[in-house]
Structure formats: structure tokens, C-alpha cells
Amino acid sequence: MHSPPDESPRRLRVQRTGPLLVEGPVEVTLDDGTVAVSDRFCVAVCTCRRSRTYPWCDTSHRRRTAD
């Protein structure tokens, strides 16, 4: 799939232990069909689903509790 001629491709940065960083603006379609929109220049998309602001990362992946 190619971007329209007037748009450059979005850049994604994958982090091993953190969120997926996406150059914005961004639209994320969730499992239930809800669309979350951000017009920020860079967005952190949660990949661990611990975020209270899912789909956006709130760094909850850093606060792990011991079992």
C-alpha cells in the first residue's frame, strides 16, 4: 500500500520494552471499532494494554508489581 502523492509515509519506532512510537497525526482503530485520534507530532501507542489511557501509553508498563 502506498501513501497518496501529497503525504509522506508515517514513521514508526518499535521499542522492545515500551510503546510503539508513531509520528502523528494518528488515528487508531480499536477492536470494538472505536477510533482514537491524536494530532500530536509523536504518539506513544500502548502495546502492553496496562495503560489507563489506552490506546495511548501512560508508562504503566514501567510500574510492575511483584507476585
PDB file of N, CA and C in Angstrom:
ATOM      1  N   MET A   1       0.838  -1.166   0.000  1.00  0.00           N
ATOM      2  CA  MET A   1       0.000   0.000   0.000  1.00  0.00           C
ATOM      3  C   MET A   1       0.888   1.235   0.000  1.00  0.00           C
ATOM      4  N   HIS A   2       0.588   2.183  -0.858  1.00  0.00           N
ATOM      5  CA  HIS A   2       1.394   3.393  -0.978  1.00  0.00           C
ATOM      6  C   HIS A   2       0.626   4.596  -0.478  1.00  0.00           C
ATOM      7  N   SER A   3       1.372   5.585   0.067  1.00  0.00           N
ATOM      8  CA  SER A   3       0.762   6.825   0.520  1.00  0.00           C
ATOM      9  C   SER A   3       0.358   7.655  -0.684  1.00  0.00           C
ATOM     10  N   PRO A   4      -0.671   8.487  -0.538  1.00  0.00           N
ATOM     11  CA  PRO A   4      -1.008   9.410  -1.614  1.00  0.00           C
ATOM     12  C   PRO A   4       0.188  10.302  -1.912  1.00  0.00           C
ATOM     13  N   PRO A   5       0.316  10.825  -3.132  1.00  0.00           N
ATOM     14  CA  PRO A   5       1.494  11.594  -3.526  1.00  0.00           C
ATOM     15  C   PRO A   5       1.794  12.794  -2.624  1.00  0.00           C
ATOM     16  N   ASP A   6       0.772  13.398  -2.009  1.00  0.00           N
ATOM     17  CA  ASP A   6       1.000  14.583  -1.193  1.00  0.00           C
ATOM     18  C   ASP A   6       1.314  14.257   0.266  1.00  0.00           C
ATOM     19  N   GLU A   7       1.367  12.994   0.631  1.00  0.00           N
ATOM     20  CA  GLU A   7       1.661  12.600   2.010  1.00  0.00           C
ATOM     21  C   GLU A   7       2.905  11.724   2.060  1.00  0.00           C
ATOM     22  N   SER A   8       3.761  11.990   3.041  1.00  0.00           N
ATOM     23  CA  SER A   8       4.915  11.124   3.222  1.00  0.00           C
ATOM     24  C   SER A   8       4.510   9.978   4.147  1.00  0.00           C
ATOM     25  N   PRO A   9       5.196   8.848   4.090  1.00  0.00           N
ATOM     26  CA  PRO A   9       4.838   7.712   4.936  1.00  0.00           C
ATOM     27  C   PRO A   9       5.060   8.032   6.415  1.00  0.00           C
ATOM     28  N   ARG A  10       4.274   7.411   7.259  1.00  0.00           N
ATOM     29  CA  ARG A  10       4.423   7.569   8.707  1.00  0.00           C
ATOM     30  C   ARG A  10       5.622   6.771   9.172  1.00  0.00           C
ATOM     31  N   ARG A  11       6.329   7.312  10.122  1.00  0.00           N
ATOM     32  CA  ARG A  11       7.488   6.628  10.676  1.00  0.00           C
ATOM     33  C   ARG A  11       7.096   6.027  12.015  1.00  0.00           C
ATOM     34  N   LEU A  12       7.376   4.735  12.195  1.00  0.00           N
ATOM     35  CA  LEU A  12       7.108   4.014  13.440  1.00  0.00           C
ATOM     36  C   LEU A  12       8.425   3.614  14.068  1.00  0.00           C
ATOM     37  N   ARG A  13       8.468   3.662  15.397  1.00  0.00           N
ATOM     38  CA  ARG A  13       9.661   3.195  16.094  1.00  0.00           C
ATOM     39  C   ARG A  13       9.224   2.157  17.119  1.00  0.00           C
ATOM     40  N   VAL A  14       9.736   0.947  16.982  1.00  0.00           N
ATOM     41  CA  VAL A  14       9.385  -0.162  17.866  1.00  0.00           C
ATOM     42  C   VAL A  14      10.418  -0.227  18.985  1.00  0.00           C
ATOM     43  N   GLN A  15       9.904  -0.292  20.220  1.00  0.00           N
ATOM     44  CA  GLN A  15      10.774  -0.412  21.383  1.00  0.00           C
ATOM     45  C   GLN A  15      10.532  -1.768  22.033  1.00  0.00           C
ATOM     46  N   ARG A  16      11.575  -2.438  22.419  1.00  0.00           N
ATOM     47  CA  ARG A  16      11.467  -3.789  22.972  1.00  0.00           C
ATOM     48  C   ARG A  16      10.604  -3.835  24.230  1.00  0.00           C
ATOM     49  N   THR A  17      10.749  -2.877  25.119  1.00  0.00           N
ATOM     50  CA  THR A  17      10.024  -2.921  26.389  1.00  0.00           C
ATOM     51  C   THR A  17       9.117  -1.709  26.597  1.00  0.00           C
ATOM     52  N   GLY A  18       8.691  -1.116  25.543  1.00  0.00           N
ATOM     53  CA  GLY A  18       7.858   0.071  25.703  1.00  0.00           C
ATOM     54  C   GLY A  18       6.829   0.191  24.602  1.00  0.00           C
ATOM     55  N   PRO A  19       6.298   1.396  24.449  1.00  0.00           N
ATOM     56  CA  PRO A  19       5.241   1.622  23.471  1.00  0.00           C
ATOM     57  C   PRO A  19       5.770   1.686  22.045  1.00  0.00           C
ATOM     58  N   LEU A  20       4.854   1.685  21.129  1.00  0.00           N
ATOM     59  CA  LEU A  20       5.157   1.895  19.717  1.00  0.00           C
ATOM     60  C   LEU A  20       5.066   3.389  19.475  1.00  0.00           C
ATOM     61  N   LEU A  21       6.145   4.028  19.039  1.00  0.00           N
ATOM     62  CA  LEU A  21       6.146   5.457  18.782  1.00  0.00           C
ATOM     63  C   LEU A  21       5.804   5.709  17.320  1.00  0.00           C
ATOM     64  N   VAL A  22       4.829   6.591  17.097  1.00  0.00           N
ATOM     65  CA  VAL A  22       4.338   6.865  15.753  1.00  0.00           C
ATOM     66  C   VAL A  22       4.370   8.366  15.528  1.00  0.00           C
ATOM     67  N   GLU A  23       4.917   8.792  14.380  1.00  0.00           N
ATOM     68  CA  GLU A  23       4.861  10.200  14.028  1.00  0.00           C
ATOM     69  C   GLU A  23       3.420  10.540  13.692  1.00  0.00           C
ATOM     70  N   GLY A  24       2.900  11.591  14.301  1.00  0.00           N
ATOM     71  CA  GLY A  24       1.496  11.956  14.137  1.00  0.00           C
ATOM     72  C   GLY A  24       1.261  12.904  12.988  1.00  0.00           C
ATOM     73  N   PRO A  25       0.027  13.256  12.760  1.00  0.00           N
ATOM     74  CA  PRO A  25      -1.172  12.853  13.479  1.00  0.00           C
ATOM     75  C   PRO A  25      -1.534  11.393  13.206  1.00  0.00           C
ATOM     76  N   VAL A  26      -2.317  10.801  14.122  1.00  0.00           N
ATOM     77  CA  VAL A  26      -2.591   9.368  14.058  1.00  0.00           C
ATOM     78  C   VAL A  26      -4.053   9.083  14.364  1.00  0.00           C
ATOM     79  N   GLU A  27      -4.597   8.072  13.698  1.00  0.00           N
ATOM     80  CA  GLU A  27      -5.894   7.504  14.034  1.00  0.00           C
ATOM     81  C   GLU A  27      -5.674   6.027  14.331  1.00  0.00           C
ATOM     82  N   VAL A  28      -6.183   5.559  15.469  1.00  0.00           N
ATOM     83  CA  VAL A  28      -6.049   4.156  15.857  1.00  0.00           C
ATOM     84  C   VAL A  28      -7.452   3.567  15.963  1.00  0.00           C
ATOM     85  N   THR A  29      -7.707   2.498  15.214  1.00  0.00           N
ATOM     86  CA  THR A  29      -8.987   1.811  15.287  1.00  0.00           C
ATOM     87  C   THR A  29      -8.858   0.642  16.259  1.00  0.00           C
ATOM     88  N   LEU A  30      -9.680   0.661  17.313  1.00  0.00           N
ATOM     89  CA  LEU A  30      -9.630  -0.371  18.348  1.00  0.00           C
ATOM     90  C   LEU A  30     -10.473  -1.578  17.962  1.00  0.00           C
ATOM     91  N   ASP A  31     -10.357  -2.656  18.741  1.00  0.00           N
ATOM     92  CA  ASP A  31     -11.075  -3.903  18.479  1.00  0.00           C
ATOM     93  C   ASP A  31     -12.577  -3.702  18.314  1.00  0.00           C
ATOM     94  N   ASP A  32     -13.145  -2.783  19.102  1.00  0.00           N
ATOM     95  CA  ASP A  32     -14.593  -2.565  19.061  1.00  0.00           C
ATOM     96  C   ASP A  32     -15.032  -1.569  17.989  1.00  0.00           C
ATOM     97  N   GLY A  33     -14.086  -1.119  17.167  1.00  0.00           N
ATOM     98  CA  GLY A  33     -14.407  -0.190  16.091  1.00  0.00           C
ATOM     99  C   GLY A  33     -14.269   1.273  16.466  1.00  0.00           C
ATOM    100  N   THR A  34     -14.052   1.550  17.752  1.00  0.00           N
ATOM    101  CA  THR A  34     -13.833   2.920  18.205  1.00  0.00           C
ATOM    102  C   THR A  34     -12.553   3.455  17.584  1.00  0.00           C
ATOM    103  N   VAL A  35     -12.573   4.723  17.188  1.00  0.00           N
ATOM    104  CA  VAL A  35     -11.387   5.348  16.608  1.00  0.00           C
ATOM    105  C   VAL A  35     -10.856   6.400  17.575  1.00  0.00           C
ATOM    106  N   ALA A  36      -9.600   6.262  17.969  1.00  0.00           N
ATOM    107  CA  ALA A  36      -8.930   7.238  18.822  1.00  0.00           C
ATOM    108  C   ALA A  36      -8.040   8.092  17.921  1.00  0.00           C
ATOM    109  N   VAL A  37      -8.097   9.408  18.108  1.00  0.00           N
ATOM    110  CA  VAL A  37      -7.376  10.333  17.237  1.00  0.00           C
ATOM    111  C   VAL A  37      -6.421  11.185  18.061  1.00  0.00           C
ATOM    112  N   SER A  38      -5.226  11.393  17.549  1.00  0.00           N
ATOM    113  CA  SER A  38      -4.262  12.300  18.164  1.00  0.00           C
ATOM    114  C   SER A  38      -3.613  13.131  17.071  1.00  0.00           C
ATOM    115  N   ASP A  39      -3.489  14.427  17.312  1.00  0.00           N
ATOM    116  CA  ASP A  39      -2.831  15.295  16.337  1.00  0.00           C
ATOM    117  C   ASP A  39      -1.436  15.717  16.799  1.00  0.00           C
ATOM    118  N   ARG A  40      -0.915  15.035  17.814  1.00  0.00           N
ATOM    119  CA  ARG A  40       0.434  15.328  18.304  1.00  0.00           C
ATOM    120  C   ARG A  40       1.479  14.949  17.260  1.00  0.00           C
ATOM    121  N   PHE A  41       2.667  15.538  17.361  1.00  0.00           N
ATOM    122  CA  PHE A  41       3.737  15.261  16.398  1.00  0.00           C
ATOM    123  C   PHE A  41       4.329  13.872  16.569  1.00  0.00           C
ATOM    124  N   CYS A  42       4.242  13.313  17.783  1.00  0.00           N
ATOM    125  CA  CYS A  42       4.694  11.942  18.043  1.00  0.00           C
ATOM    126  C   CYS A  42       3.783  11.352  19.107  1.00  0.00           C
ATOM    127  N   VAL A  43       3.304  10.149  18.866  1.00  0.00           N
ATOM    128  CA  VAL A  43       2.352   9.497  19.754  1.00  0.00           C
ATOM    129  C   VAL A  43       2.933   8.170  20.220  1.00  0.00           C
ATOM    130  N   ALA A  44       2.761   7.879  21.505  1.00  0.00           N
ATOM    131  CA  ALA A  44       3.179   6.597  22.062  1.00  0.00           C
ATOM    132  C   ALA A  44       1.943   5.710  22.173  1.00  0.00           C
ATOM    133  N   VAL A  45       1.903   4.657  21.369  1.00  0.00           N
ATOM    134  CA  VAL A  45       0.772   3.735  21.361  1.00  0.00           C
ATOM    135  C   VAL A  45       1.103   2.563  22.278  1.00  0.00           C
ATOM    136  N   CYS A  46       0.219   2.312  23.250  1.00  0.00           N
ATOM    137  CA  CYS A  46       0.429   1.253  24.234  1.00  0.00           C
ATOM    138  C   CYS A  46       0.370  -0.120  23.567  1.00  0.00           C
ATOM    139  N   THR A  47       1.333  -0.973  23.881  1.00  0.00           N
ATOM    140  CA  THR A  47       1.328  -2.337  23.358  1.00  0.00           C
ATOM    141  C   THR A  47       1.133  -3.377  24.458  1.00  0.00           C
ATOM    142  N   CYS A  48       1.170  -2.940  25.734  1.00  0.00           N
ATOM    143  CA  CYS A  48       1.018  -3.894  26.842  1.00  0.00           C
ATOM    144  C   CYS A  48      -0.410  -3.907  27.401  1.00  0.00           C
ATOM    145  N   ARG A  49      -1.228  -2.945  26.994  1.00  0.00           N
ATOM    146  CA  ARG A  49      -2.626  -2.802  27.428  1.00  0.00           C
ATOM    147  C   ARG A  49      -2.775  -2.524  28.914  1.00  0.00           C
ATOM    148  N   ARG A  50      -1.727  -2.048  29.588  1.00  0.00           N
ATOM    149  CA  ARG A  50      -1.826  -1.670  31.000  1.00  0.00           C
ATOM    150  C   ARG A  50      -2.231  -0.211  31.173  1.00  0.00           C
ATOM    151  N   SER A  51      -2.196   0.562  30.119  1.00  0.00           N
ATOM    152  CA  SER A  51      -2.435   1.993  30.182  1.00  0.00           C
ATOM    153  C   SER A  51      -3.873   2.326  30.549  1.00  0.00           C
ATOM    154  N   ARG A  52      -4.045   3.294  31.441  1.00  0.00           N
ATOM    155  CA  ARG A  52      -5.387   3.778  31.767  1.00  0.00           C
ATOM    156  C   ARG A  52      -5.925   4.674  30.657  1.00  0.00           C
ATOM    157  N   THR A  53      -5.041   5.122  29.775  1.00  0.00           N
ATOM    158  CA  THR A  53      -5.446   5.985  28.662  1.00  0.00           C
ATOM    159  C   THR A  53      -5.341   5.239  27.328  1.00  0.00           C
ATOM    160  N   TYR A  54      -5.465   3.912  27.363  1.00  0.00           N
ATOM    161  CA  TYR A  54      -5.344   3.075  26.170  1.00  0.00           C
ATOM    162  C   TYR A  54      -6.238   3.616  25.054  1.00  0.00           C
ATOM    163  N   PRO A  55      -5.764   3.736  23.837  1.00  0.00           N
ATOM    164  CA  PRO A  55      -4.575   3.134  23.257  1.00  0.00           C
ATOM    165  C   PRO A  55      -3.288   3.938  23.446  1.00  0.00           C
ATOM    166  N   TRP A  56      -3.371   5.088  24.111  1.00  0.00           N
ATOM    167  CA  TRP A  56      -2.175   5.897  24.308  1.00  0.00           C
ATOM    168  C   TRP A  56      -1.427   5.411  25.545  1.00  0.00           C
ATOM    169  N   CYS A  57      -0.119   5.414  25.473  1.00  0.00           N
ATOM    170  CA  CYS A  57       0.728   4.942  26.569  1.00  0.00           C
ATOM    171  C   CYS A  57       0.773   5.976  27.694  1.00  0.00           C
ATOM    172  N   ASP A  58       0.656   5.517  28.930  1.00  0.00           N
ATOM    173  CA  ASP A  58       0.826   6.388  30.101  1.00  0.00           C
ATOM    174  C   ASP A  58       1.975   5.881  30.980  1.00  0.00           C
ATOM    175  N   THR A  59       2.845   5.082  30.423  1.00  0.00           N
ATOM    176  CA  THR A  59       4.033   4.463  31.062  1.00  0.00           C
ATOM    177  C   THR A  59       3.679   3.461  32.155  1.00  0.00           C
ATOM    178  N   SER A  60       2.469   2.923  32.153  1.00  0.00           N
ATOM    179  CA  SER A  60       2.083   1.905  33.127  1.00  0.00           C
ATOM    180  C   SER A  60       2.949   0.658  33.021  1.00  0.00           C
ATOM    181  N   HIS A  61       3.542   0.401  31.857  1.00  0.00           N
ATOM    182  CA  HIS A  61       4.402  -0.773  31.688  1.00  0.00           C
ATOM    183  C   HIS A  61       5.615  -0.715  32.603  1.00  0.00           C
ATOM    184  N   ARG A  62       5.950   0.471  33.090  1.00  0.00           N
ATOM    185  CA  ARG A  62       7.101   0.625  33.992  1.00  0.00           C
ATOM    186  C   ARG A  62       6.760   0.240  35.424  1.00  0.00           C
ATOM    187  N   ARG A  63       5.482   0.309  35.793  1.00  0.00           N
ATOM    188  CA  ARG A  63       5.063   0.071  37.169  1.00  0.00           C
ATOM    189  C   ARG A  63       4.571  -1.376  37.340  1.00  0.00           C
ATOM    190  N   ARG A  64       5.479  -2.289  37.364  1.00  0.00           N
ATOM    191  CA  ARG A  64       5.123  -3.688  37.532  1.00  0.00           C
ATOM    192  C   ARG A  64       5.176  -4.047  39.004  1.00  0.00           C
ATOM    193  N   THR A  65       4.228  -4.852  39.439  1.00  0.00           N
ATOM    194  CA  THR A  65       4.228  -5.284  40.838  1.00  0.00           C
ATOM    195  C   THR A  65       4.743  -6.696  40.931  1.00  0.00           C
ATOM    196  N   ALA A  66       5.386  -7.001  42.023  1.00  0.00           N
ATOM    197  CA  ALA A  66       5.913  -8.360  42.249  1.00  0.00           C
ATOM    198  C   ALA A  66       4.777  -9.288  42.640  1.00  0.00           C
ATOM    199  N   ASP A  67       4.834 -10.514  42.191  1.00  0.00           N
ATOM    200  CA  ASP A  67       3.797 -11.517  42.521  1.00  0.00           C
ATOM    201  C   ASP A  67       4.032 -12.121  43.878  1.00  0.00           C
TER     202      ASP A  67
END
